[in-house]
């Protein structure tokens, strides 16, 4: 929470942390996926569309989206912080927020709306996985 308080209030600090973290993250991901004999592996990233270091990392980009209010409420519950704090953090993701508002997703191959139940999301993901295979 201390790191989040700093990086989500100081763009320069966020950029410095990302410059350190993203190259190591990608190296770890590449090493991790090389040991699996699987038809696909998944890299989850809230900022994949916004960060140059993550561009082209996968064969396809799947976006799981939900309306801003739902995303904020879920993240607040997950992180045990206020929705106001989550909205403040989300302000660091302007592209994702604007895409959600207009419903257009360039550089995305599949969009799954996560605006219902967990069971509904699991069914949508199951169908997508079947299509990928």
N, C-alpha and C. Protein backbone atom coordinates (compact mmCIF):
# COMPACT_ATOMS: atom_id res chain seq x y z
N UNK A 1 0.82 -1.20 0.00
CA UNK A 1 0.00 0.00 0.00
C UNK A 1 0.86 1.26 0.00
N UNK A 2 2.03 1.19 0.62
CA UNK A 2 2.93 2.34 0.62
C UNK A 2 3.44 2.62 -0.80
N UNK A 3 3.86 1.58 -1.50
CA UNK A 3 4.33 1.75 -2.87
C UNK A 3 3.21 2.29 -3.76
N UNK A 4 2.01 1.73 -3.62
CA UNK A 4 0.88 2.20 -4.41
C UNK A 4 0.60 3.67 -4.14
N UNK A 5 0.68 4.08 -2.89
CA UNK A 5 0.44 5.48 -2.55
C UNK A 5 1.43 6.40 -3.25
N UNK A 6 2.67 5.96 -3.38
CA UNK A 6 3.69 6.78 -4.04
C UNK A 6 3.51 6.78 -5.54
N UNK A 7 3.47 5.59 -6.14
CA UNK A 7 3.48 5.53 -7.61
C UNK A 7 2.19 5.99 -8.24
N UNK A 8 1.07 5.88 -7.53
CA UNK A 8 -0.18 6.33 -8.12
C UNK A 8 -0.45 7.81 -7.87
N UNK A 9 0.51 8.48 -7.23
CA UNK A 9 0.37 9.93 -7.06
C UNK A 9 1.53 10.69 -7.69
N UNK A 10 2.49 9.97 -8.28
CA UNK A 10 3.67 10.60 -8.85
C UNK A 10 4.04 9.88 -10.14
N UNK A 11 3.73 10.48 -11.28
CA UNK A 11 3.97 9.85 -12.59
C UNK A 11 5.44 9.50 -12.80
N UNK A 12 6.34 10.36 -12.34
CA UNK A 12 7.77 10.09 -12.48
C UNK A 12 8.16 8.83 -11.70
N UNK A 13 7.64 8.69 -10.49
CA UNK A 13 7.93 7.50 -9.69
C UNK A 13 7.35 6.26 -10.36
N UNK A 14 6.15 6.37 -10.90
CA UNK A 14 5.53 5.25 -11.61
C UNK A 14 6.38 4.84 -12.81
N UNK A 15 6.83 5.80 -13.58
CA UNK A 15 7.67 5.51 -14.75
C UNK A 15 8.97 4.81 -14.34
N UNK A 16 9.57 5.25 -13.24
CA UNK A 16 10.82 4.64 -12.77
C UNK A 16 10.60 3.19 -12.34
N UNK A 17 9.52 2.96 -11.61
CA UNK A 17 9.23 1.60 -11.16
C UNK A 17 8.94 0.70 -12.36
N UNK A 18 8.16 1.20 -13.31
CA UNK A 18 7.84 0.40 -14.50
C UNK A 18 9.09 0.10 -15.32
N UNK A 19 10.01 1.04 -15.41
CA UNK A 19 11.25 0.82 -16.16
C UNK A 19 12.08 -0.29 -15.53
N UNK A 20 11.97 -0.46 -14.25
CA UNK A 20 12.66 -1.55 -13.56
C UNK A 20 11.88 -2.86 -13.63
N UNK A 21 10.58 -2.77 -13.45
CA UNK A 21 9.76 -3.97 -13.32
C UNK A 21 9.45 -4.64 -14.65
N UNK A 22 9.05 -3.87 -15.67
CA UNK A 22 8.58 -4.49 -16.91
C UNK A 22 9.62 -5.35 -17.61
N UNK A 23 10.85 -4.92 -17.77
CA UNK A 23 11.82 -5.82 -18.41
C UNK A 23 12.02 -7.13 -17.65
N UNK A 24 12.06 -7.04 -16.32
CA UNK A 24 12.21 -8.27 -15.52
C UNK A 24 10.96 -9.13 -15.61
N UNK A 25 9.80 -8.49 -15.58
CA UNK A 25 8.54 -9.21 -15.71
C UNK A 25 8.50 -10.00 -17.02
N UNK A 26 8.88 -9.36 -18.11
CA UNK A 26 8.84 -10.04 -19.41
C UNK A 26 9.87 -11.15 -19.49
N UNK A 27 11.04 -10.95 -18.92
CA UNK A 27 12.06 -12.01 -18.90
C UNK A 27 11.55 -13.20 -18.08
N UNK A 28 10.96 -12.93 -16.94
CA UNK A 28 10.40 -14.01 -16.12
C UNK A 28 9.27 -14.73 -16.84
N UNK A 29 8.41 -13.97 -17.50
CA UNK A 29 7.30 -14.57 -18.23
C UNK A 29 7.80 -15.46 -19.36
N UNK A 30 8.77 -14.97 -20.12
CA UNK A 30 9.33 -15.76 -21.21
C UNK A 30 9.95 -17.06 -20.69
N UNK A 31 10.66 -16.98 -19.58
CA UNK A 31 11.26 -18.19 -19.00
C UNK A 31 10.17 -19.13 -18.51
N UNK A 32 9.17 -18.60 -17.83
CA UNK A 32 8.09 -19.40 -17.27
C UNK A 32 7.34 -20.14 -18.37
N UNK A 33 6.98 -19.43 -19.44
CA UNK A 33 6.17 -20.08 -20.48
C UNK A 33 6.97 -21.11 -21.27
N UNK A 34 8.28 -20.99 -21.27
CA UNK A 34 9.10 -21.94 -22.02
C UNK A 34 9.10 -23.34 -21.40
N UNK A 35 8.72 -23.47 -20.16
CA UNK A 35 8.75 -24.78 -19.50
C UNK A 35 7.42 -25.52 -19.58
N UNK A 36 6.40 -24.90 -20.17
CA UNK A 36 5.09 -25.52 -20.24
C UNK A 36 4.79 -26.05 -21.64
N UNK A 37 4.27 -27.25 -21.69
CA UNK A 37 3.79 -27.82 -22.94
C UNK A 37 2.28 -27.63 -22.93
N UNK A 38 1.86 -26.49 -23.40
CA UNK A 38 0.46 -26.10 -23.33
C UNK A 38 0.07 -25.43 -24.64
N UNK A 39 -1.19 -25.57 -25.04
CA UNK A 39 -1.61 -24.91 -26.28
C UNK A 39 -1.56 -23.38 -26.18
N UNK A 40 -1.62 -22.86 -24.97
CA UNK A 40 -1.48 -21.42 -24.78
C UNK A 40 -1.14 -21.11 -23.34
N UNK A 41 -0.55 -19.96 -23.13
CA UNK A 41 -0.30 -19.42 -21.80
C UNK A 41 -0.89 -18.03 -21.77
N UNK A 42 -1.15 -17.55 -20.58
CA UNK A 42 -1.85 -16.27 -20.42
C UNK A 42 -1.00 -15.33 -19.57
N UNK A 43 -0.86 -14.11 -20.04
CA UNK A 43 -0.25 -13.04 -19.27
C UNK A 43 -1.36 -12.04 -18.95
N UNK A 44 -1.64 -11.86 -17.68
CA UNK A 44 -2.67 -10.90 -17.27
C UNK A 44 -2.00 -9.56 -17.03
N UNK A 45 -2.57 -8.52 -17.60
CA UNK A 45 -2.03 -7.18 -17.41
C UNK A 45 -3.13 -6.15 -17.56
N UNK A 46 -3.26 -5.30 -16.56
CA UNK A 46 -4.25 -4.22 -16.63
C UNK A 46 -3.82 -3.11 -17.57
N UNK A 47 -2.53 -3.08 -17.92
CA UNK A 47 -2.01 -1.96 -18.71
C UNK A 47 -1.37 -2.39 -20.02
N UNK A 48 -1.66 -3.58 -20.49
CA UNK A 48 -0.98 -4.10 -21.68
C UNK A 48 -1.16 -3.22 -22.91
N UNK A 49 -2.29 -2.56 -23.02
CA UNK A 49 -2.54 -1.72 -24.20
C UNK A 49 -1.84 -0.36 -24.10
N UNK A 50 -1.42 0.01 -22.90
CA UNK A 50 -0.86 1.34 -22.68
C UNK A 50 0.66 1.37 -22.56
N UNK A 51 1.26 0.24 -22.36
CA UNK A 51 2.70 0.21 -22.07
C UNK A 51 3.49 -0.35 -23.24
N UNK A 52 4.36 0.43 -23.81
CA UNK A 52 5.17 -0.03 -24.95
C UNK A 52 5.95 -1.31 -24.65
N UNK A 53 6.39 -1.48 -23.42
CA UNK A 53 7.15 -2.68 -23.06
C UNK A 53 6.33 -3.96 -23.21
N UNK A 54 5.01 -3.83 -23.24
CA UNK A 54 4.14 -5.00 -23.33
C UNK A 54 3.56 -5.20 -24.73
N UNK A 55 3.83 -4.28 -25.64
CA UNK A 55 3.29 -4.38 -27.00
C UNK A 55 3.82 -5.64 -27.69
N UNK A 56 2.92 -6.35 -28.33
CA UNK A 56 3.30 -7.51 -29.12
C UNK A 56 3.77 -8.70 -28.31
N UNK A 57 3.47 -8.72 -27.03
CA UNK A 57 3.95 -9.80 -26.18
C UNK A 57 3.25 -11.12 -26.47
N UNK A 58 2.05 -11.07 -27.01
CA UNK A 58 1.30 -12.30 -27.25
C UNK A 58 0.86 -12.44 -28.68
N UNK A 59 0.37 -13.63 -28.99
CA UNK A 59 -0.18 -13.88 -30.32
C UNK A 59 -1.54 -13.21 -30.49
N UNK A 60 -2.31 -13.19 -29.41
CA UNK A 60 -3.59 -12.49 -29.44
C UNK A 60 -3.75 -11.72 -28.14
N UNK A 61 -4.57 -10.70 -28.20
CA UNK A 61 -4.88 -9.92 -27.00
C UNK A 61 -6.36 -10.09 -26.70
N UNK A 62 -6.64 -10.57 -25.51
CA UNK A 62 -8.01 -10.75 -25.03
C UNK A 62 -8.23 -9.72 -23.95
N UNK A 63 -9.26 -8.93 -24.11
CA UNK A 63 -9.59 -7.91 -23.13
C UNK A 63 -10.84 -8.34 -22.37
N UNK A 64 -10.71 -8.45 -21.06
CA UNK A 64 -11.86 -8.69 -20.20
C UNK A 64 -12.19 -7.34 -19.59
N UNK A 65 -13.36 -6.83 -19.92
CA UNK A 65 -13.73 -5.48 -19.51
C UNK A 65 -15.03 -5.51 -18.73
N UNK A 66 -15.27 -4.44 -18.01
CA UNK A 66 -16.51 -4.24 -17.27
C UNK A 66 -16.71 -2.74 -17.16
N UNK A 67 -17.94 -2.32 -16.94
CA UNK A 67 -18.17 -0.88 -16.73
C UNK A 67 -17.33 -0.36 -15.57
N UNK A 68 -16.96 0.91 -15.66
CA UNK A 68 -16.08 1.54 -14.68
C UNK A 68 -16.55 1.32 -13.24
N UNK A 69 -17.82 1.52 -12.99
CA UNK A 69 -18.35 1.36 -11.63
C UNK A 69 -18.14 -0.05 -11.09
N UNK A 70 -18.36 -1.04 -11.93
CA UNK A 70 -18.16 -2.43 -11.51
C UNK A 70 -16.67 -2.69 -11.27
N UNK A 71 -15.82 -2.21 -12.18
CA UNK A 71 -14.38 -2.40 -11.99
C UNK A 71 -13.91 -1.76 -10.70
N UNK A 72 -14.37 -0.55 -10.43
CA UNK A 72 -13.94 0.16 -9.22
C UNK A 72 -14.41 -0.58 -7.96
N UNK A 73 -15.65 -1.01 -7.95
CA UNK A 73 -16.18 -1.70 -6.77
C UNK A 73 -15.44 -3.02 -6.53
N UNK A 74 -15.18 -3.77 -7.59
CA UNK A 74 -14.46 -5.04 -7.43
C UNK A 74 -13.04 -4.82 -6.94
N UNK A 75 -12.33 -3.85 -7.53
CA UNK A 75 -10.95 -3.59 -7.12
C UNK A 75 -10.89 -3.07 -5.69
N UNK A 76 -11.85 -2.25 -5.30
CA UNK A 76 -11.88 -1.73 -3.93
C UNK A 76 -12.07 -2.87 -2.93
N UNK A 77 -12.97 -3.78 -3.25
CA UNK A 77 -13.19 -4.93 -2.36
C UNK A 77 -11.95 -5.82 -2.31
N UNK A 78 -11.33 -6.04 -3.46
CA UNK A 78 -10.14 -6.89 -3.53
C UNK A 78 -8.98 -6.30 -2.74
N UNK A 79 -8.76 -4.98 -2.87
CA UNK A 79 -7.60 -4.33 -2.26
C UNK A 79 -7.89 -3.73 -0.89
N UNK A 80 -9.13 -3.83 -0.43
CA UNK A 80 -9.54 -3.26 0.86
C UNK A 80 -9.23 -1.76 0.95
N UNK A 81 -9.56 -1.06 -0.13
CA UNK A 81 -9.42 0.40 -0.15
C UNK A 81 -10.73 0.99 -0.67
N UNK A 82 -10.84 2.29 -0.59
CA UNK A 82 -12.07 2.94 -1.03
C UNK A 82 -12.19 2.95 -2.55
N UNK A 83 -13.42 3.04 -3.03
CA UNK A 83 -13.63 3.17 -4.47
C UNK A 83 -13.01 4.46 -4.99
N UNK A 84 -13.02 5.51 -4.15
CA UNK A 84 -12.39 6.78 -4.54
C UNK A 84 -10.90 6.56 -4.82
N UNK A 85 -10.24 5.80 -3.97
CA UNK A 85 -8.82 5.51 -4.18
C UNK A 85 -8.62 4.70 -5.46
N UNK A 86 -9.49 3.75 -5.71
CA UNK A 86 -9.38 2.95 -6.93
C UNK A 86 -9.57 3.83 -8.16
N UNK A 87 -10.55 4.70 -8.13
CA UNK A 87 -10.78 5.62 -9.26
C UNK A 87 -9.55 6.48 -9.49
N UNK A 88 -8.91 6.94 -8.41
CA UNK A 88 -7.69 7.72 -8.53
C UNK A 88 -6.59 6.90 -9.20
N UNK A 89 -6.44 5.65 -8.80
CA UNK A 89 -5.45 4.77 -9.43
C UNK A 89 -5.78 4.53 -10.90
N UNK A 90 -7.06 4.33 -11.16
CA UNK A 90 -7.48 4.08 -12.54
C UNK A 90 -7.22 5.28 -13.44
N UNK A 91 -7.12 6.45 -12.85
CA UNK A 91 -6.84 7.64 -13.67
C UNK A 91 -5.47 7.53 -14.33
N UNK A 92 -4.63 6.62 -13.84
CA UNK A 92 -3.32 6.37 -14.45
C UNK A 92 -3.44 5.45 -15.68
N UNK A 93 -4.66 4.99 -15.97
CA UNK A 93 -4.93 4.13 -17.11
C UNK A 93 -5.94 4.81 -18.05
N UNK A 94 -5.60 5.97 -18.58
CA UNK A 94 -6.59 6.74 -19.35
C UNK A 94 -7.05 6.02 -20.61
N UNK A 95 -6.19 5.28 -21.27
CA UNK A 95 -6.59 4.58 -22.48
C UNK A 95 -7.68 3.56 -22.18
N UNK A 96 -7.47 2.73 -21.17
CA UNK A 96 -8.45 1.71 -20.83
C UNK A 96 -9.78 2.34 -20.47
N UNK A 97 -9.75 3.40 -19.71
CA UNK A 97 -10.99 4.05 -19.32
C UNK A 97 -11.73 4.63 -20.52
N UNK A 98 -11.01 5.24 -21.45
CA UNK A 98 -11.67 5.81 -22.62
C UNK A 98 -12.19 4.72 -23.54
N UNK A 99 -11.47 3.62 -23.68
CA UNK A 99 -11.94 2.51 -24.51
C UNK A 99 -13.24 1.95 -23.95
N UNK A 100 -13.29 1.78 -22.65
CA UNK A 100 -14.49 1.24 -22.02
C UNK A 100 -15.69 2.14 -22.26
N UNK A 101 -15.46 3.44 -22.21
CA UNK A 101 -16.56 4.37 -22.40
C UNK A 101 -17.11 4.35 -23.81
N UNK A 102 -16.23 4.24 -24.81
CA UNK A 102 -16.72 4.27 -26.19
C UNK A 102 -17.01 2.89 -26.75
N UNK A 103 -16.53 1.84 -26.06
CA UNK A 103 -16.80 0.48 -26.51
C UNK A 103 -16.03 0.06 -27.74
N UNK A 104 -14.93 0.72 -28.01
CA UNK A 104 -14.06 0.35 -29.14
C UNK A 104 -12.71 -0.03 -28.59
N UNK A 105 -12.15 -1.13 -29.12
CA UNK A 105 -10.93 -1.68 -28.56
C UNK A 105 -9.91 -1.98 -29.66
N UNK A 106 -9.18 -0.98 -30.12
CA UNK A 106 -8.14 -1.25 -31.12
C UNK A 106 -7.03 -2.10 -30.48
N UNK A 107 -6.36 -2.87 -31.31
CA UNK A 107 -5.28 -3.75 -30.86
C UNK A 107 -5.75 -4.89 -29.96
N UNK A 108 -7.06 -5.17 -29.98
CA UNK A 108 -7.62 -6.25 -29.18
C UNK A 108 -8.30 -7.24 -30.13
N UNK A 109 -8.00 -8.51 -29.93
CA UNK A 109 -8.56 -9.54 -30.81
C UNK A 109 -9.90 -10.08 -30.31
N UNK A 110 -10.06 -10.16 -28.99
CA UNK A 110 -11.28 -10.69 -28.38
C UNK A 110 -11.64 -9.81 -27.20
N UNK A 111 -12.93 -9.44 -27.10
CA UNK A 111 -13.42 -8.69 -25.95
C UNK A 111 -14.46 -9.54 -25.23
N UNK A 112 -14.26 -9.68 -23.94
CA UNK A 112 -15.22 -10.40 -23.10
C UNK A 112 -15.72 -9.42 -22.05
N UNK A 113 -17.03 -9.24 -21.99
CA UNK A 113 -17.60 -8.34 -20.99
C UNK A 113 -17.84 -9.12 -19.70
N UNK A 114 -17.28 -8.60 -18.63
CA UNK A 114 -17.38 -9.21 -17.31
C UNK A 114 -18.29 -8.34 -16.45
N UNK A 115 -19.55 -8.30 -16.83
CA UNK A 115 -20.50 -7.42 -16.15
C UNK A 115 -21.63 -8.19 -15.47
N UNK A 116 -21.38 -9.48 -15.23
CA UNK A 116 -22.41 -10.31 -14.62
C UNK A 116 -21.78 -11.13 -13.51
N UNK A 117 -22.12 -12.41 -13.46
CA UNK A 117 -21.63 -13.27 -12.39
C UNK A 117 -20.31 -13.94 -12.76
N UNK A 118 -19.65 -14.49 -11.77
CA UNK A 118 -18.42 -15.23 -12.02
C UNK A 118 -18.70 -16.45 -12.90
N UNK A 119 -19.83 -17.10 -12.68
CA UNK A 119 -20.19 -18.26 -13.52
C UNK A 119 -20.36 -17.85 -14.97
N UNK A 120 -20.97 -16.70 -15.21
CA UNK A 120 -21.14 -16.20 -16.57
C UNK A 120 -19.78 -15.93 -17.22
N UNK A 121 -18.88 -15.31 -16.47
CA UNK A 121 -17.53 -15.04 -16.99
C UNK A 121 -16.81 -16.35 -17.30
N UNK A 122 -16.91 -17.31 -16.42
CA UNK A 122 -16.25 -18.60 -16.66
C UNK A 122 -16.77 -19.26 -17.92
N UNK A 123 -18.06 -19.15 -18.17
CA UNK A 123 -18.64 -19.74 -19.39
C UNK A 123 -18.12 -19.01 -20.64
N UNK A 124 -18.05 -17.70 -20.58
CA UNK A 124 -17.52 -16.93 -21.71
C UNK A 124 -16.07 -17.30 -21.97
N UNK A 125 -15.28 -17.44 -20.91
CA UNK A 125 -13.87 -17.81 -21.07
C UNK A 125 -13.72 -19.23 -21.61
N UNK A 126 -14.58 -20.14 -21.16
CA UNK A 126 -14.55 -21.52 -21.66
C UNK A 126 -14.82 -21.55 -23.16
N UNK A 127 -15.81 -20.80 -23.60
CA UNK A 127 -16.14 -20.75 -25.03
C UNK A 127 -14.99 -20.14 -25.82
N UNK A 128 -14.38 -19.09 -25.29
CA UNK A 128 -13.25 -18.48 -25.98
C UNK A 128 -12.10 -19.48 -26.11
N UNK A 129 -11.80 -20.19 -25.02
CA UNK A 129 -10.70 -21.16 -25.05
C UNK A 129 -10.98 -22.26 -26.08
N UNK A 130 -12.20 -22.72 -26.16
CA UNK A 130 -12.56 -23.72 -27.17
C UNK A 130 -12.31 -23.17 -28.57
N UNK A 131 -12.66 -21.94 -28.80
CA UNK A 131 -12.45 -21.33 -30.12
C UNK A 131 -10.97 -21.17 -30.44
N UNK A 132 -10.17 -20.86 -29.44
CA UNK A 132 -8.73 -20.70 -29.65
C UNK A 132 -8.07 -22.02 -30.03
N UNK A 133 -8.55 -23.10 -29.44
CA UNK A 133 -7.96 -24.41 -29.71
C UNK A 133 -8.42 -24.92 -31.06
